[in-house]
Amino acid sequence: MAVVQAYILIQTEVGRAALAAATIAEISGVASSEEVSGPYDVIVRVEATDAGHLNNDVVPQIQKVDGITRTLTCPVVNAAH
């Protein structure tokens, strides 16, 4: 069971958001990946076993996706149930 959740806000090159969101959705640990409007182009929700797994495995795989120019990782500190 995942113990660390985070939202990753992503900016992409113009016209690359849909493909980036679809590619990211296939990465292990990604719970959802959606193209959005606003200052960011894609918002991703990830789940990891711990902070190390999040920072060393999941986030770097997302950052390698072609067309991504910037990411901002926002760990969830208190999930509402």
PDB file of N, CA and C in Angstrom:
ATOM      1  N   MET A   1       0.835  -1.192   0.000  1.00  0.00           N
ATOM      2  CA  MET A   1       0.000   0.000   0.000  1.00  0.00           C
ATOM      3  C   MET A   1       0.875   1.248   0.000  1.00  0.00           C
ATOM      4  N   ALA A   2       0.525   2.219  -0.806  1.00  0.00           N
ATOM      5  CA  ALA A   2       1.293   3.452  -0.904  1.00  0.00           C
ATOM      6  C   ALA A   2       1.156   4.270   0.367  1.00  0.00           C
ATOM      7  N   VAL A   3       2.249   4.831   0.810  1.00  0.00           N
ATOM      8  CA  VAL A   3       2.207   5.681   1.991  1.00  0.00           C
ATOM      9  C   VAL A   3       2.532   7.131   1.671  1.00  0.00           C
ATOM     10  N   VAL A   4       3.078   7.395   0.492  1.00  0.00           N
ATOM     11  CA  VAL A   4       3.395   8.758   0.085  1.00  0.00           C
ATOM     12  C   VAL A   4       2.631   9.061  -1.202  1.00  0.00           C
ATOM     13  N   GLN A   5       1.895  10.159  -1.178  1.00  0.00           N
ATOM     14  CA  GLN A   5       1.184  10.609  -2.370  1.00  0.00           C
ATOM     15  C   GLN A   5       1.663  12.021  -2.687  1.00  0.00           C
ATOM     16  N   ALA A   6       1.632  12.353  -3.967  1.00  0.00           N
ATOM     17  CA  ALA A   6       2.038  13.694  -4.372  1.00  0.00           C
ATOM     18  C   ALA A   6       1.320  14.065  -5.663  1.00  0.00           C
ATOM     19  N   TYR A   7       1.214  15.367  -5.870  1.00  0.00           N
ATOM     20  CA  TYR A   7       0.749  15.903  -7.143  1.00  0.00           C
ATOM     21  C   TYR A   7       1.965  16.499  -7.831  1.00  0.00           C
ATOM     22  N   ILE A   8       2.087  16.250  -9.107  1.00  0.00           N
ATOM     23  CA  ILE A   8       3.186  16.818  -9.876  1.00  0.00           C
ATOM     24  C   ILE A   8       2.563  17.726 -10.938  1.00  0.00           C
ATOM     25  N   LEU A   9       2.925  18.994 -10.873  1.00  0.00           N
ATOM     26  CA  LEU A   9       2.447  19.990 -11.823  1.00  0.00           C
ATOM     27  C   LEU A   9       3.495  20.097 -12.923  1.00  0.00           C
ATOM     28  N   ILE A  10       3.049  20.012 -14.173  1.00  0.00           N
ATOM     29  CA  ILE A  10       3.983  19.900 -15.296  1.00  0.00           C
ATOM     30  C   ILE A  10       3.697  20.947 -16.357  1.00  0.00           C
ATOM     31  N   GLN A  11       4.768  21.579 -16.817  1.00  0.00           N
ATOM     32  CA  GLN A  11       4.693  22.447 -17.982  1.00  0.00           C
ATOM     33  C   GLN A  11       5.356  21.707 -19.142  1.00  0.00           C
ATOM     34  N   THR A  12       4.767  21.854 -20.329  1.00  0.00           N
ATOM     35  CA  THR A  12       5.287  21.176 -21.508  1.00  0.00           C
ATOM     36  C   THR A  12       5.546  22.175 -22.631  1.00  0.00           C
ATOM     37  N   GLU A  13       6.246  21.696 -23.637  1.00  0.00           N
ATOM     38  CA  GLU A  13       6.397  22.480 -24.859  1.00  0.00           C
ATOM     39  C   GLU A  13       5.015  22.645 -25.475  1.00  0.00           C
ATOM     40  N   VAL A  14       4.813  23.702 -26.236  1.00  0.00           N
ATOM     41  CA  VAL A  14       3.525  23.979 -26.866  1.00  0.00           C
ATOM     42  C   VAL A  14       3.086  22.777 -27.713  1.00  0.00           C
ATOM     43  N   GLY A  15       1.850  22.357 -27.487  1.00  0.00           N
ATOM     44  CA  GLY A  15       1.283  21.264 -28.254  1.00  0.00           C
ATOM     45  C   GLY A  15       1.683  19.871 -27.803  1.00  0.00           C
ATOM     46  N   ARG A  16       2.399  19.754 -26.686  1.00  0.00           N
ATOM     47  CA  ARG A  16       2.898  18.445 -26.237  1.00  0.00           C
ATOM     48  C   ARG A  16       2.159  17.893 -25.018  1.00  0.00           C
ATOM     49  N   ALA A  17       1.210  18.633 -24.466  1.00  0.00           N
ATOM     50  CA  ALA A  17       0.575  18.240 -23.205  1.00  0.00           C
ATOM     51  C   ALA A  17      -0.183  16.928 -23.307  1.00  0.00           C
ATOM     52  N   ALA A  18      -0.978  16.732 -24.341  1.00  0.00           N
ATOM     53  CA  ALA A  18      -1.792  15.517 -24.454  1.00  0.00           C
ATOM     54  C   ALA A  18      -0.909  14.272 -24.545  1.00  0.00           C
ATOM     55  N   LEU A  19       0.121  14.338 -25.371  1.00  0.00           N
ATOM     56  CA  LEU A  19       1.021  13.184 -25.510  1.00  0.00           C
ATOM     57  C   LEU A  19       1.791  12.933 -24.219  1.00  0.00           C
ATOM     58  N   ALA A  20       2.243  13.999 -23.570  1.00  0.00           N
ATOM     59  CA  ALA A  20       2.963  13.844 -22.301  1.00  0.00           C
ATOM     60  C   ALA A  20       2.056  13.205 -21.254  1.00  0.00           C
ATOM     61  N   ALA A  21       0.809  13.665 -21.146  1.00  0.00           N
ATOM     62  CA  ALA A  21      -0.123  13.109 -20.163  1.00  0.00           C
ATOM     63  C   ALA A  21      -0.367  11.628 -20.419  1.00  0.00           C
ATOM     64  N   ALA A  22      -0.531  11.251 -21.672  1.00  0.00           N
ATOM     65  CA  ALA A  22      -0.767   9.842 -22.014  1.00  0.00           C
ATOM     66  C   ALA A  22       0.455   8.988 -21.715  1.00  0.00           C
ATOM     67  N   THR A  23       1.631   9.495 -22.015  1.00  0.00           N
ATOM     68  CA  THR A  23       2.870   8.757 -21.749  1.00  0.00           C
ATOM     69  C   THR A  23       3.084   8.588 -20.250  1.00  0.00           C
ATOM     70  N   ILE A  24       2.865   9.639 -19.495  1.00  0.00           N
ATOM     71  CA  ILE A  24       3.044   9.607 -18.044  1.00  0.00           C
ATOM     72  C   ILE A  24       2.078   8.619 -17.404  1.00  0.00           C
ATOM     73  N   ALA A  25       0.869   8.516 -17.921  1.00  0.00           N
ATOM     74  CA  ALA A  25      -0.142   7.612 -17.356  1.00  0.00           C
ATOM     75  C   ALA A  25       0.327   6.165 -17.328  1.00  0.00           C
ATOM     76  N   GLU A  26       1.286   5.810 -18.182  1.00  0.00           N
ATOM     77  CA  GLU A  26       1.785   4.434 -18.262  1.00  0.00           C
ATOM     78  C   GLU A  26       2.920   4.149 -17.277  1.00  0.00           C
ATOM     79  N   ILE A  27       3.410   5.157 -16.576  1.00  0.00           N
ATOM     80  CA  ILE A  27       4.537   4.991 -15.655  1.00  0.00           C
ATOM     81  C   ILE A  27       4.066   4.373 -14.345  1.00  0.00           C
ATOM     82  N   SER A  28       4.818   3.418 -13.839  1.00  0.00           N
ATOM     83  CA  SER A  28       4.500   2.770 -12.565  1.00  0.00           C
ATOM     84  C   SER A  28       4.504   3.795 -11.438  1.00  0.00           C
ATOM     85  N   GLY A  29       3.459   3.785 -10.631  1.00  0.00           N
ATOM     86  CA  GLY A  29       3.329   4.720  -9.526  1.00  0.00           C
ATOM     87  C   GLY A  29       2.407   5.882  -9.840  1.00  0.00           C
ATOM     88  N   VAL A  30       2.053   6.054 -11.113  1.00  0.00           N
ATOM     89  CA  VAL A  30       1.161   7.146 -11.505  1.00  0.00           C
ATOM     90  C   VAL A  30      -0.281   6.686 -11.338  1.00  0.00           C
ATOM     91  N   ALA A  31      -1.021   7.394 -10.497  1.00  0.00           N
ATOM     92  CA  ALA A  31      -2.431   7.063 -10.257  1.00  0.00           C
ATOM     93  C   ALA A  31      -3.338   7.762 -11.261  1.00  0.00           C
ATOM     94  N   SER A  32      -2.974   8.988 -11.669  1.00  0.00           N
ATOM     95  CA  SER A  32      -3.736   9.707 -12.693  1.00  0.00           C
ATOM     96  C   SER A  32      -2.832  10.730 -13.356  1.00  0.00           C
ATOM     97  N   SER A  33      -3.152  11.026 -14.611  1.00  0.00           N
ATOM     98  CA  SER A  33      -2.393  11.997 -15.391  1.00  0.00           C
ATOM     99  C   SER A  33      -3.384  12.696 -16.310  1.00  0.00           C
ATOM    100  N   GLU A  34      -3.552  14.010 -16.107  1.00  0.00           N
ATOM    101  CA  GLU A  34      -4.582  14.729 -16.844  1.00  0.00           C
ATOM    102  C   GLU A  34      -4.056  16.024 -17.432  1.00  0.00           C
ATOM    103  N   GLU A  35      -4.441  16.292 -18.672  1.00  0.00           N
ATOM    104  CA  GLU A  35      -4.145  17.562 -19.318  1.00  0.00           C
ATOM    105  C   GLU A  35      -5.104  18.606 -18.751  1.00  0.00           C
ATOM    106  N   VAL A  36      -4.579  19.775 -18.385  1.00  0.00           N
ATOM    107  CA  VAL A  36      -5.398  20.830 -17.791  1.00  0.00           C
ATOM    108  C   VAL A  36      -5.066  22.166 -18.452  1.00  0.00           C
ATOM    109  N   SER A  37      -5.900  23.172 -18.180  1.00  0.00           N
ATOM    110  CA  SER A  37      -5.596  24.520 -18.637  1.00  0.00           C
ATOM    111  C   SER A  37      -5.098  25.330 -17.454  1.00  0.00           C
ATOM    112  N   GLY A  38      -4.423  26.420 -17.733  1.00  0.00           N
ATOM    113  CA  GLY A  38      -3.873  27.246 -16.667  1.00  0.00           C
ATOM    114  C   GLY A  38      -2.366  27.333 -16.793  1.00  0.00           C
ATOM    115  N   PRO A  39      -1.682  27.693 -15.713  1.00  0.00           N
ATOM    116  CA  PRO A  39      -0.229  27.867 -15.782  1.00  0.00           C
ATOM    117  C   PRO A  39       0.525  26.549 -15.984  1.00  0.00           C
ATOM    118  N   TYR A  40      -0.109  25.434 -15.673  1.00  0.00           N
ATOM    119  CA  TYR A  40       0.487  24.116 -15.903  1.00  0.00           C
ATOM    120  C   TYR A  40      -0.331  23.397 -16.963  1.00  0.00           C
ATOM    121  N   ASP A  41       0.300  22.472 -17.648  1.00  0.00           N
ATOM    122  CA  ASP A  41      -0.337  21.774 -18.761  1.00  0.00           C
ATOM    123  C   ASP A  41      -0.846  20.383 -18.391  1.00  0.00           C
ATOM    124  N   VAL A  42      -0.196  19.758 -17.414  1.00  0.00           N
ATOM    125  CA  VAL A  42      -0.554  18.405 -16.987  1.00  0.00           C
ATOM    126  C   VAL A  42      -0.461  18.362 -15.468  1.00  0.00           C
ATOM    127  N   ILE A  43      -1.426  17.692 -14.838  1.00  0.00           N
ATOM    128  CA  ILE A  43      -1.352  17.429 -13.402  1.00  0.00           C
ATOM    129  C   ILE A  43      -1.380  15.922 -13.212  1.00  0.00           C
ATOM    130  N   VAL A  44      -0.434  15.438 -12.421  1.00  0.00           N
ATOM    131  CA  VAL A  44      -0.264  14.007 -12.192  1.00  0.00           C
ATOM    132  C   VAL A  44      -0.384  13.726 -10.707  1.00  0.00           C
ATOM    133  N   ARG A  45      -1.094  12.659 -10.351  1.00  0.00           N
ATOM    134  CA  ARG A  45      -1.123  12.194  -8.963  1.00  0.00           C
ATOM    135  C   ARG A  45      -0.338  10.902  -8.917  1.00  0.00           C
ATOM    136  N   VAL A  46       0.631  10.841  -8.000  1.00  0.00           N
ATOM    137  CA  VAL A  46       1.474   9.657  -7.875  1.00  0.00           C
ATOM    138  C   VAL A  46       1.360   9.063  -6.481  1.00  0.00           C
ATOM    139  N   GLU A  47       1.644   7.791  -6.397  1.00  0.00           N
ATOM    140  CA  GLU A  47       1.668   7.069  -5.132  1.00  0.00           C
ATOM    141  C   GLU A  47       2.963   6.280  -5.076  1.00  0.00           C
ATOM    142  N   ALA A  48       3.659   6.378  -3.949  1.00  0.00           N
ATOM    143  CA  ALA A  48       4.933   5.688  -3.773  1.00  0.00           C
ATOM    144  C   ALA A  48       4.995   5.061  -2.394  1.00  0.00           C
ATOM    145  N   THR A  49       5.855   4.092  -2.245  1.00  0.00           N
ATOM    146  CA  THR A  49       5.972   3.396  -0.964  1.00  0.00           C
ATOM    147  C   THR A  49       6.608   4.272   0.111  1.00  0.00           C
ATOM    148  N   ASP A  50       7.492   5.199  -0.299  1.00  0.00           N
ATOM    149  CA  ASP A  50       8.125   6.127   0.632  1.00  0.00           C
ATOM    150  C   ASP A  50       8.699   7.299  -0.150  1.00  0.00           C
ATOM    151  N   ALA A  51       9.219   8.291   0.564  1.00  0.00           N
ATOM    152  CA  ALA A  51       9.746   9.494  -0.087  1.00  0.00           C
ATOM    153  C   ALA A  51      10.920   9.176  -1.001  1.00  0.00           C
ATOM    154  N   GLY A  52      11.743   8.220  -0.615  1.00  0.00           N
ATOM    155  CA  GLY A  52      12.879   7.828  -1.452  1.00  0.00           C
ATOM    156  C   GLY A  52      12.425   7.266  -2.784  1.00  0.00           C
ATOM    157  N   HIS A  53      11.428   6.404  -2.745  1.00  0.00           N
ATOM    158  CA  HIS A  53      10.881   5.833  -3.983  1.00  0.00           C
ATOM    159  C   HIS A  53      10.293   6.934  -4.852  1.00  0.00           C
ATOM    160  N   LEU A  54       9.578   7.864  -4.236  1.00  0.00           N
ATOM    161  CA  LEU A  54       9.003   8.989  -4.973  1.00  0.00           C
ATOM    162  C   LEU A  54      10.094   9.805  -5.657  1.00  0.00           C
ATOM    163  N   ASN A  55      11.097  10.210  -4.889  1.00  0.00           N
ATOM    164  CA  ASN A  55      12.134  11.113  -5.394  1.00  0.00           C
ATOM    165  C   ASN A  55      13.166  10.446  -6.297  1.00  0.00           C
ATOM    166  N   ASN A  56      13.426   9.169  -6.079  1.00  0.00           N
ATOM    167  CA  ASN A  56      14.494   8.500  -6.822  1.00  0.00           C
ATOM    168  C   ASN A  56      14.006   7.659  -7.992  1.00  0.00           C
ATOM    169  N   ASP A  57      12.739   7.272  -7.980  1.00  0.00           N
ATOM    170  CA  ASP A  57      12.228   6.389  -9.023  1.00  0.00           C
ATOM    171  C   ASP A  57      11.092   7.005  -9.828  1.00  0.00           C
ATOM    172  N   VAL A  58      10.034   7.419  -9.159  1.00  0.00           N
ATOM    173  CA  VAL A  58       8.831   7.866  -9.864  1.00  0.00           C
ATOM    174  C   VAL A  58       9.048   9.219 -10.539  1.00  0.00           C
ATOM    175  N   VAL A  59       9.467  10.228  -9.808  1.00  0.00           N
ATOM    176  CA  VAL A  59       9.628  11.573 -10.365  1.00  0.00           C
ATOM    177  C   VAL A  59      10.647  11.598 -11.511  1.00  0.00           C
ATOM    178  N   PRO A  60      11.823  10.969 -11.372  1.00  0.00           N
ATOM    179  CA  PRO A  60      12.766  10.992 -12.504  1.00  0.00           C
ATOM    180  C   PRO A  60      12.209  10.352 -13.778  1.00  0.00           C
ATOM    181  N   GLN A  61      11.389   9.315 -13.651  1.00  0.00           N
ATOM    182  CA  GLN A  61      10.787   8.705 -14.836  1.00  0.00           C
ATOM    183  C   GLN A  61       9.845   9.683 -15.524  1.00  0.00           C
ATOM    184  N   ILE A  62       9.109  10.439 -14.731  1.00  0.00           N
ATOM    185  CA  ILE A  62       8.203  11.439 -15.301  1.00  0.00           C
ATOM    186  C   ILE A  62       9.006  12.545 -15.979  1.00  0.00           C
ATOM    187  N   GLN A  63      10.076  12.997 -15.348  1.00  0.00           N
ATOM    188  CA  GLN A  63      10.873  14.096 -15.893  1.00  0.00           C
ATOM    189  C   GLN A  63      11.561  13.725 -17.207  1.00  0.00           C
ATOM    190  N   LYS A  64      11.721  12.444 -17.479  1.00  0.00           N
ATOM    191  CA  LYS A  64      12.353  11.987 -18.721  1.00  0.00           C
ATOM    192  C   LYS A  64      11.411  12.024 -19.920  1.00  0.00           C
ATOM    193  N   VAL A  65      10.125  12.212 -19.692  1.00  0.00           N
ATOM    194  CA  VAL A  65       9.152  12.191 -20.782  1.00  0.00           C
ATOM    195  C   VAL A  65       9.422  13.348 -21.737  1.00  0.00           C
ATOM    196  N   ASP A  66       9.450  13.035 -23.013  1.00  0.00           N
ATOM    197  CA  ASP A  66       9.732  14.016 -24.052  1.00  0.00           C
ATOM    198  C   ASP A  66       8.694  15.140 -24.045  1.00  0.00           C
ATOM    199  N   GLY A  67       9.162  16.376 -24.145  1.00  0.00           N
ATOM    200  CA  GLY A  67       8.274  17.536 -24.220  1.00  0.00           C
ATOM    201  C   GLY A  67       8.066  18.258 -22.908  1.00  0.00           C
ATOM    202  N   ILE A  68       8.508  17.677 -21.795  1.00  0.00           N
ATOM    203  CA  ILE A  68       8.352  18.334 -20.492  1.00  0.00           C
ATOM    204  C   ILE A  68       9.445  19.382 -20.318  1.00  0.00           C
ATOM    205  N   THR A  69       9.049  20.573 -19.897  1.00  0.00           N
ATOM    206  CA  THR A  69      10.020  21.645 -19.677  1.00  0.00           C
ATOM    207  C   THR A  69      10.239  21.959 -18.200  1.00  0.00           C
ATOM    208  N   ARG A  70       9.242  21.670 -17.350  1.00  0.00           N
ATOM    209  CA  ARG A  70       9.373  21.972 -15.920  1.00  0.00           C
ATOM    210  C   ARG A  70       8.386  21.140 -15.127  1.00  0.00           C
ATOM    211  N   THR A  71       8.820  20.702 -13.936  1.00  0.00           N
ATOM    212  CA  THR A  71       7.915  19.996 -13.029  1.00  0.00           C
ATOM    213  C   THR A  71       7.993  20.625 -11.642  1.00  0.00           C
ATOM    214  N   LEU A  72       6.906  20.501 -10.907  1.00  0.00           N
ATOM    215  CA  LEU A  72       6.845  20.941  -9.514  1.00  0.00           C
ATOM    216  C   LEU A  72       6.141  19.843  -8.742  1.00  0.00           C
ATOM    217  N   THR A  73       6.837  19.228  -7.790  1.00  0.00           N
ATOM    218  CA  THR A  73       6.283  18.138  -7.006  1.00  0.00           C
ATOM    219  C   THR A  73       5.728  18.663  -5.694  1.00  0.00           C
ATOM    220  N   CYS A  74       4.462  18.325  -5.410  1.00  0.00           N
ATOM    221  CA  CYS A  74       3.781  18.782  -4.203  1.00  0.00           C
ATOM    222  C   CYS A  74       3.323  17.566  -3.417  1.00  0.00           C
ATOM    223  N   PRO A  75       4.120  17.107  -2.427  1.00  0.00           N
ATOM    224  CA  PRO A  75       3.698  15.959  -1.621  1.00  0.00           C
ATOM    225  C   PRO A  75       2.440  16.281  -0.822  1.00  0.00           C
ATOM    226  N   VAL A  76       1.569  15.301  -0.711  1.00  0.00           N
ATOM    227  CA  VAL A  76       0.364  15.443   0.109  1.00  0.00           C
ATOM    228  C   VAL A  76       0.774  15.281   1.560  1.00  0.00           C
ATOM    229  N   VAL A  77       0.429  16.250   2.412  1.00  0.00           N
ATOM    230  CA  VAL A  77       0.816  16.195   3.808  1.00  0.00           C
ATOM    231  C   VAL A  77      -0.290  15.704   4.710  1.00  0.00           C
ATOM    232  N   ASN A  78      -1.548  15.857   4.273  1.00  0.00           N
ATOM    233  CA  ASN A  78      -2.665  15.408   5.095  1.00  0.00           C
ATOM    234  C   ASN A  78      -3.846  15.108   4.192  1.00  0.00           C
ATOM    235  N   ALA A  79      -4.005  13.860   3.839  1.00  0.00           N
ATOM    236  CA  ALA A  79      -5.090  13.475   2.929  1.00  0.00           C
ATOM    237  C   ALA A  79      -6.417  13.435   3.675  1.00  0.00           C
ATOM    238  N   ALA A  80      -7.424  14.074   3.124  1.00  0.00           N
ATOM    239  CA  ALA A  80      -8.774  14.015   3.692  1.00  0.00           C
ATOM    240  C   ALA A  80      -9.424  12.720   3.280  1.00  0.00           C
ATOM    241  N   HIS A  81     -10.155  12.111   4.179  1.00  0.00           N
ATOM    242  CA  HIS A  81     -10.803  10.830   3.868  1.00  0.00           C
ATOM    243  C   HIS A  81     -12.289  10.975   3.874  1.00  0.00           C
TER     244      HIS A  81
END
